[in-house]
PDB file of N, CA and C in Angstrom:
ATOM      1  N   UNK A   1     157.395 149.247 191.256  1.00  0.00           N
ATOM      2  CA  UNK A   1     158.982 149.182 191.104  1.00  0.00           C
ATOM      3  C   UNK A   1     159.936 148.444 189.886  1.00  0.00           C
ATOM      4  N   UNK A   2     160.633 148.865 188.897  1.00  0.00           N
ATOM      5  CA  UNK A   2     161.259 148.065 187.825  1.00  0.00           C
ATOM      6  C   UNK A   2     162.069 147.274 188.458  1.00  0.00           C
ATOM      7  N   UNK A   3     161.994 146.086 187.442  1.00  0.00           N
ATOM      8  CA  UNK A   3     162.761 144.679 188.176  1.00  0.00           C
ATOM      9  C   UNK A   3     164.116 145.314 187.733  1.00  0.00           C
ATOM     10  N   UNK A   4     164.175 146.739 186.979  1.00  0.00           N
ATOM     11  CA  UNK A   4     165.675 146.387 186.762  1.00  0.00           C
ATOM     12  C   UNK A   4     166.119 148.072 186.770  1.00  0.00           C
ATOM     13  N   UNK A   5     166.307 147.795 188.543  1.00  0.00           N
ATOM     14  CA  UNK A   5     166.562 149.001 188.363  1.00  0.00           C
ATOM     15  C   UNK A   5     168.476 148.786 189.065  1.00  0.00           C
ATOM     16  N   UNK A   6     169.448 147.877 189.127  1.00  0.00           N
ATOM     17  CA  UNK A   6     170.398 147.757 188.761  1.00  0.00           C
ATOM     18  C   UNK A   6     170.709 147.925 187.751  1.00  0.00           C
ATOM     19  N   UNK A   7     170.246 147.726 186.564  1.00  0.00           N
ATOM     20  CA  UNK A   7     170.940 148.801 185.439  1.00  0.00           C
ATOM     21  C   UNK A   7     170.614 150.217 185.097  1.00  0.00           C
ATOM     22  N   UNK A   8     169.559 150.202 185.782  1.00  0.00           N
ATOM     23  CA  UNK A   8     169.238 152.082 185.508  1.00  0.00           C
ATOM     24  C   UNK A   8     170.618 152.253 186.259  1.00  0.00           C
ATOM     25  N   UNK A   9     170.625 152.517 187.167  1.00  0.00           N
ATOM     26  CA  UNK A   9     171.923 152.905 188.441  1.00  0.00           C
ATOM     27  C   UNK A   9     173.262 152.475 187.877  1.00  0.00           C
ATOM     28  N   UNK A  10     174.086 151.627 187.395  1.00  0.00           N
ATOM     29  CA  UNK A  10     175.161 151.559 187.489  1.00  0.00           C
ATOM     30  C   UNK A  10     175.686 150.023 188.072  1.00  0.00           C
ATOM     31  N   UNK A  11     174.917 149.461 188.991  1.00  0.00           N
ATOM     32  CA  UNK A  11     175.100 148.832 190.169  1.00  0.00           C
ATOM     33  C   UNK A  11     175.006 147.305 189.520  1.00  0.00           C
ATOM     34  N   UNK A  12     175.118 146.931 188.519  1.00  0.00           N
ATOM     35  CA  UNK A  12     175.837 145.625 188.317  1.00  0.00           C
ATOM     36  C   UNK A  12     176.494 145.665 187.240  1.00  0.00           C
ATOM     37  N   UNK A  13     177.858 144.318 188.587  1.00  0.00           N
ATOM     38  CA  UNK A  13     179.366 143.956 187.120  1.00  0.00           C
ATOM     39  C   UNK A  13     179.137 143.065 186.855  1.00  0.00           C
ATOM     40  N   UNK A  14     179.235 142.716 185.788  1.00  0.00           N
ATOM     41  CA  UNK A  14     179.208 141.500 185.141  1.00  0.00           C
ATOM     42  C   UNK A  14     180.912 140.648 184.627  1.00  0.00           C
ATOM     43  N   UNK A  15     181.297 139.605 185.379  1.00  0.00           N
ATOM     44  CA  UNK A  15     182.230 139.107 184.731  1.00  0.00           C
ATOM     45  C   UNK A  15     183.338 139.780 186.257  1.00  0.00           C
ATOM     46  N   UNK A  16     184.164 138.495 186.573  1.00  0.00           N
ATOM     47  CA  UNK A  16     185.498 138.887 187.388  1.00  0.00           C
ATOM     48  C   UNK A  16     186.474 140.308 187.066  1.00  0.00           C
ATOM     49  N   UNK A  17     186.502 140.771 185.740  1.00  0.00           N
ATOM     50  CA  UNK A  17     187.475 142.076 185.837  1.00  0.00           C
ATOM     51  C   UNK A  17     186.508 142.999 185.623  1.00  0.00           C
ATOM     52  N   UNK A  18     185.091 142.708 185.999  1.00  0.00           N
ATOM     53  CA  UNK A  18     184.679 144.185 185.720  1.00  0.00           C
ATOM     54  C   UNK A  18     183.668 143.654 187.026  1.00  0.00           C
ATOM     55  N   UNK A  19     184.070 143.342 188.423  1.00  0.00           N
ATOM     56  CA  UNK A  19     184.543 143.085 189.646  1.00  0.00           C
ATOM     57  C   UNK A  19     185.669 143.565 190.235  1.00  0.00           C
ATOM     58  N   UNK A  20     186.868 142.967 189.502  1.00  0.00           N
ATOM     59  CA  UNK A  20     187.813 143.243 190.120  1.00  0.00           C
ATOM     60  C   UNK A  20     188.517 144.475 189.658  1.00  0.00           C
ATOM     61  N   UNK A  21     187.685 145.654 188.547  1.00  0.00           N
ATOM     62  CA  UNK A  21     188.259 146.948 188.406  1.00  0.00           C
ATOM     63  C   UNK A  21     187.703 147.481 189.777  1.00  0.00           C
ATOM     64  N   UNK A  22     186.805 147.236 189.411  1.00  0.00           N
ATOM     65  CA  UNK A  22     185.809 147.807 190.694  1.00  0.00           C
ATOM     66  C   UNK A  22     186.093 147.675 192.300  1.00  0.00           C
ATOM     67  N   UNK A  23     186.531 146.586 192.976  1.00  0.00           N
ATOM     68  CA  UNK A  23     187.370 146.879 193.871  1.00  0.00           C
ATOM     69  C   UNK A  23     188.866 146.710 194.218  1.00  0.00           C
ATOM     70  N   UNK A  24     188.887 147.631 192.435  1.00  0.00           N
ATOM     71  CA  UNK A  24     190.607 148.328 192.617  1.00  0.00           C
ATOM     72  C   UNK A  24     190.441 150.147 193.053  1.00  0.00           C
ATOM     73  N   UNK A  25     189.120 149.983 193.001  1.00  0.00           N
ATOM     74  CA  UNK A  25     188.819 151.865 192.860  1.00  0.00           C
ATOM     75  C   UNK A  25     188.451 151.561 194.284  1.00  0.00           C
ATOM     76  N   UNK A  26     188.543 151.004 194.871  1.00  0.00           N
ATOM     77  CA  UNK A  26     187.751 150.732 196.553  1.00  0.00           C
ATOM     78  C   UNK A  26     189.019 150.703 197.026  1.00  0.00           C
ATOM     79  N   UNK A  27     190.431 149.500 196.723  1.00  0.00           N
ATOM     80  CA  UNK A  27     190.879 150.026 197.742  1.00  0.00           C
ATOM     81  C   UNK A  27     192.118 150.438 197.192  1.00  0.00           C
ATOM     82  N   UNK A  28     193.203 150.284 198.317  1.00  0.00           N
ATOM     83  CA  UNK A  28     195.370 151.421 198.036  1.00  0.00           C
ATOM     84  C   UNK A  28     194.914 150.569 196.830  1.00  0.00           C
ATOM     85  N   UNK A  29     195.677 151.635 196.206  1.00  0.00           N
ATOM     86  CA  UNK A  29     196.174 151.237 194.271  1.00  0.00           C
ATOM     87  C   UNK A  29     197.441 150.211 194.206  1.00  0.00           C
ATOM     88  N   UNK A  30     198.409 150.019 195.396  1.00  0.00           N
ATOM     89  CA  UNK A  30     199.181 149.407 195.595  1.00  0.00           C
ATOM     90  C   UNK A  30     199.596 147.956 196.023  1.00  0.00           C
ATOM     91  N   UNK A  31     197.877 147.738 196.180  1.00  0.00           N
ATOM     92  CA  UNK A  31     197.371 146.080 196.552  1.00  0.00           C
ATOM     93  C   UNK A  31     196.423 146.161 195.382  1.00  0.00           C
ATOM     94  N   UNK A  32     196.672 145.669 194.187  1.00  0.00           N
ATOM     95  CA  UNK A  32     196.239 145.267 192.958  1.00  0.00           C
ATOM     96  C   UNK A  32     195.542 144.030 193.338  1.00  0.00           C
ATOM     97  N   UNK A  33     193.881 143.732 192.548  1.00  0.00           N
ATOM     98  CA  UNK A  33     193.464 142.884 192.626  1.00  0.00           C
ATOM     99  C   UNK A  33     192.994 142.255 191.716  1.00  0.00           C
ATOM    100  N   UNK A  34     193.288 141.087 190.891  1.00  0.00           N
ATOM    101  CA  UNK A  34     193.747 140.357 189.584  1.00  0.00           C
ATOM    102  C   UNK A  34     191.571 140.021 189.508  1.00  0.00           C
ATOM    103  N   UNK A  35     191.641 139.158 188.911  1.00  0.00           N
ATOM    104  CA  UNK A  35     190.104 138.464 188.511  1.00  0.00           C
ATOM    105  C   UNK A  35     190.741 137.190 189.370  1.00  0.00           C
ATOM    106  N   UNK A  36     191.954 136.733 189.001  1.00  0.00           N
ATOM    107  CA  UNK A  36     192.005 135.638 189.901  1.00  0.00           C
ATOM    108  C   UNK A  36     191.939 135.647 191.380  1.00  0.00           C
ATOM    109  N   UNK A  37     191.989 136.568 191.979  1.00  0.00           N
ATOM    110  CA  UNK A  37     191.759 136.810 193.215  1.00  0.00           C
ATOM    111  C   UNK A  37     190.278 137.089 193.841  1.00  0.00           C
ATOM    112  N   UNK A  38     189.784 137.498 192.585  1.00  0.00           N
ATOM    113  CA  UNK A  38     188.189 137.706 192.605  1.00  0.00           C
ATOM    114  C   UNK A  38     187.594 136.091 193.477  1.00  0.00           C
ATOM    115  N   UNK A  39     188.127 135.619 192.341  1.00  0.00           N
ATOM    116  CA  UNK A  39     186.899 133.722 192.021  1.00  0.00           C
ATOM    117  C   UNK A  39     187.832 133.497 193.290  1.00  0.00           C
ATOM    118  N   UNK A  40     189.181 133.648 193.855  1.00  0.00           N
ATOM    119  CA  UNK A  40     189.090 132.703 195.585  1.00  0.00           C
ATOM    120  C   UNK A  40     188.478 133.661 196.008  1.00  0.00           C
ATOM    121  N   UNK A  41     187.949 134.323 196.006  1.00  0.00           N
ATOM    122  CA  UNK A  41     187.486 135.210 197.473  1.00  0.00           C
ATOM    123  C   UNK A  41     186.205 134.798 197.304  1.00  0.00           C
ATOM    124  N   UNK A  42     185.278 134.331 196.478  1.00  0.00           N
ATOM    125  CA  UNK A  42     184.173 134.087 195.820  1.00  0.00           C
ATOM    126  C   UNK A  42     184.007 132.390 195.960  1.00  0.00           C
ATOM    127  N   UNK A  43     184.929 131.562 196.516  1.00  0.00           N
ATOM    128  CA  UNK A  43     184.818 130.256 196.640  1.00  0.00           C
ATOM    129  C   UNK A  43     184.660 130.109 197.883  1.00  0.00           C
ATOM    130  N   UNK A  44     185.447 131.575 198.246  1.00  0.00           N
ATOM    131  CA  UNK A  44     186.003 131.380 200.376  1.00  0.00           C
ATOM    132  C   UNK A  44     184.886 131.965 200.423  1.00  0.00           C
ATOM    133  N   UNK A  45     183.741 132.593 200.341  1.00  0.00           N
ATOM    134  CA  UNK A  45     182.703 132.883 200.772  1.00  0.00           C
ATOM    135  C   UNK A  45     183.307 134.663 201.159  1.00  0.00           C
ATOM    136  N   UNK A  46     183.644 135.492 200.314  1.00  0.00           N
ATOM    137  CA  UNK A  46     183.599 136.329 200.859  1.00  0.00           C
ATOM    138  C   UNK A  46     183.778 137.489 199.992  1.00  0.00           C
ATOM    139  N   UNK A  47     182.660 137.283 199.325  1.00  0.00           N
ATOM    140  CA  UNK A  47     181.952 138.244 198.297  1.00  0.00           C
ATOM    141  C   UNK A  47     181.008 138.106 198.039  1.00  0.00           C
ATOM    142  N   UNK A  48     179.772 139.082 198.424  1.00  0.00           N
ATOM    143  CA  UNK A  48     177.964 138.488 198.021  1.00  0.00           C
ATOM    144  C   UNK A  48     178.227 138.453 196.158  1.00  0.00           C
ATOM    145  N   UNK A  49     178.481 137.874 195.332  1.00  0.00           N
ATOM    146  CA  UNK A  49     179.345 137.618 194.282  1.00  0.00           C
ATOM    147  C   UNK A  49     178.019 136.484 193.796  1.00  0.00           C
ATOM    148  N   UNK A  50     177.147 135.932 192.533  1.00  0.00           N
ATOM    149  CA  UNK A  50     177.031 134.846 192.418  1.00  0.00           C
ATOM    150  C   UNK A  50     176.833 134.499 191.212  1.00  0.00           C
ATOM    151  N   UNK A  51     177.044 133.265 190.760  1.00  0.00           N
ATOM    152  CA  UNK A  51     177.435 132.599 189.098  1.00  0.00           C
ATOM    153  C   UNK A  51     175.767 131.790 188.068  1.00  0.00           C
ATOM    154  N   UNK A  52     176.560 132.618 187.102  1.00  0.00           N
ATOM    155  CA  UNK A  52     175.378 132.564 186.275  1.00  0.00           C
ATOM    156  C   UNK A  52     176.444 132.046 185.114  1.00  0.00           C
ATOM    157  N   UNK A  53     176.106 130.737 184.877  1.00  0.00           N
ATOM    158  CA  UNK A  53     177.796 129.056 184.497  1.00  0.00           C
ATOM    159  C   UNK A  53     178.077 129.572 185.118  1.00  0.00           C
ATOM    160  N   UNK A  54     179.470 130.026 184.312  1.00  0.00           N
ATOM    161  CA  UNK A  54     180.562 130.150 184.380  1.00  0.00           C
ATOM    162  C   UNK A  54     181.333 131.619 184.911  1.00  0.00           C
ATOM    163  N   UNK A  55     179.610 132.526 184.635  1.00  0.00           N
ATOM    164  CA  UNK A  55     180.305 134.121 185.038  1.00  0.00           C
ATOM    165  C   UNK A  55     179.879 134.636 185.450  1.00  0.00           C
ATOM    166  N   UNK A  56     181.101 135.224 186.675  1.00  0.00           N
ATOM    167  CA  UNK A  56     180.712 136.454 188.224  1.00  0.00           C
ATOM    168  C   UNK A  56     179.976 137.469 188.335  1.00  0.00           C
ATOM    169  N   UNK A  57     178.407 137.464 188.790  1.00  0.00           N
ATOM    170  CA  UNK A  57     177.746 138.509 188.500  1.00  0.00           C
ATOM    171  C   UNK A  57     177.602 139.155 190.200  1.00  0.00           C
ATOM    172  N   UNK A  58     177.489 140.623 190.447  1.00  0.00           N
ATOM    173  CA  UNK A  58     177.077 141.079 192.075  1.00  0.00           C
ATOM    174  C   UNK A  58     177.710 142.227 191.918  1.00  0.00           C
ATOM    175  N   UNK A  59     176.746 143.365 192.844  1.00  0.00           N
ATOM    176  CA  UNK A  59     175.831 144.143 192.687  1.00  0.00           C
ATOM    177  C   UNK A  59     177.482 145.670 193.510  1.00  0.00           C
ATOM    178  N   UNK A  60     177.297 146.472 192.725  1.00  0.00           N
ATOM    179  CA  UNK A  60     178.332 147.094 193.365  1.00  0.00           C
ATOM    180  C   UNK A  60     178.413 147.283 194.551  1.00  0.00           C
ATOM    181  N   UNK A  61     177.231 147.987 195.474  1.00  0.00           N
ATOM    182  CA  UNK A  61     176.911 148.391 196.579  1.00  0.00           C
ATOM    183  C   UNK A  61     177.270 147.266 197.358  1.00  0.00           C
ATOM    184  N   UNK A  62     177.312 145.739 197.408  1.00  0.00           N
ATOM    185  CA  UNK A  62     176.457 144.332 197.968  1.00  0.00           C
ATOM    186  C   UNK A  62     177.948 144.123 198.553  1.00  0.00           C
ATOM    187  N   UNK A  63     179.320 144.559 197.049  1.00  0.00           N
ATOM    188  CA  UNK A  63     180.903 144.440 197.020  1.00  0.00           C
ATOM    189  C   UNK A  63     181.029 145.590 198.419  1.00  0.00           C
ATOM    190  N   UNK A  64     180.450 146.631 198.072  1.00  0.00           N
ATOM    191  CA  UNK A  64     181.359 147.272 198.924  1.00  0.00           C
ATOM    192  C   UNK A  64     181.063 147.301 200.131  1.00  0.00           C
ATOM    193  N   UNK A  65     179.629 146.675 200.366  1.00  0.00           N
ATOM    194  CA  UNK A  65     179.607 146.403 202.100  1.00  0.00           C
ATOM    195  C   UNK A  65     180.548 145.867 202.521  1.00  0.00           C
ATOM    196  N   UNK A  66     180.076 144.489 201.882  1.00  0.00           N
ATOM    197  CA  UNK A  66     180.820 143.157 202.497  1.00  0.00           C
ATOM    198  C   UNK A  66     182.638 143.591 202.355  1.00  0.00           C
ATOM    199  N   UNK A  67     183.169 144.681 201.714  1.00  0.00           N
ATOM    200  CA  UNK A  67     185.129 144.556 202.167  1.00  0.00           C
ATOM    201  C   UNK A  67     184.978 146.177 203.166  1.00  0.00           C
ATOM    202  N   UNK A  68     183.414 146.676 203.911  1.00  0.00           N
ATOM    203  CA  UNK A  68     184.063 147.308 204.673  1.00  0.00           C
ATOM    204  C   UNK A  68     184.511 146.608 206.059  1.00  0.00           C
ATOM    205  N   UNK A  69     185.178 147.047 206.990  1.00  0.00           N
ATOM    206  CA  UNK A  69     185.529 146.219 208.177  1.00  0.00           C
ATOM    207  C   UNK A  69     185.518 147.802 209.050  1.00  0.00           C
ATOM    208  N   UNK A  70     184.614 147.337 209.829  1.00  0.00           N
ATOM    209  CA  UNK A  70     184.564 147.599 211.258  1.00  0.00           C
ATOM    210  C   UNK A  70     186.403 147.687 211.893  1.00  0.00           C
ATOM    211  N   UNK A  71     187.007 148.289 212.353  1.00  0.00           N
ATOM    212  CA  UNK A  71     188.421 148.832 213.095  1.00  0.00           C
ATOM    213  C   UNK A  71     187.751 148.800 214.435  1.00  0.00           C
ATOM    214  N   UNK A  72     188.190 148.024 215.446  1.00  0.00           N
ATOM    215  CA  UNK A  72     187.116 148.684 217.020  1.00  0.00           C
ATOM    216  C   UNK A  72     188.330 149.365 217.318  1.00  0.00           C
ATOM    217  N   UNK A  73     187.778 150.452 218.593  1.00  0.00           N
ATOM    218  CA  UNK A  73     188.316 151.391 219.520  1.00  0.00           C
ATOM    219  C   UNK A  73     189.261 150.745 220.379  1.00  0.00           C
ATOM    220  N   UNK A  74     190.144 151.484 220.508  1.00  0.00           N
ATOM    221  CA  UNK A  74     191.051 151.067 221.831  1.00  0.00           C
ATOM    222  C   UNK A  74     190.831 151.793 223.689  1.00  0.00           C
TER     223      UNK A  74
END
């Protein structure tokens, strides 16, 4: 198996702008997420994103899983 699986399927996101754009695709259009919000979420550990220097790097699949919230049934 290639170590570059992430590049072949487009899973890799480079930078807070790319991550914010992807999160905005997944969420309500009225709830705009900015790169500044992404940086805050990363600092608080809410997103499974790493840093390479000052740049953020993340996986679409991992971010999607982190944003999934199970709503308890009543």
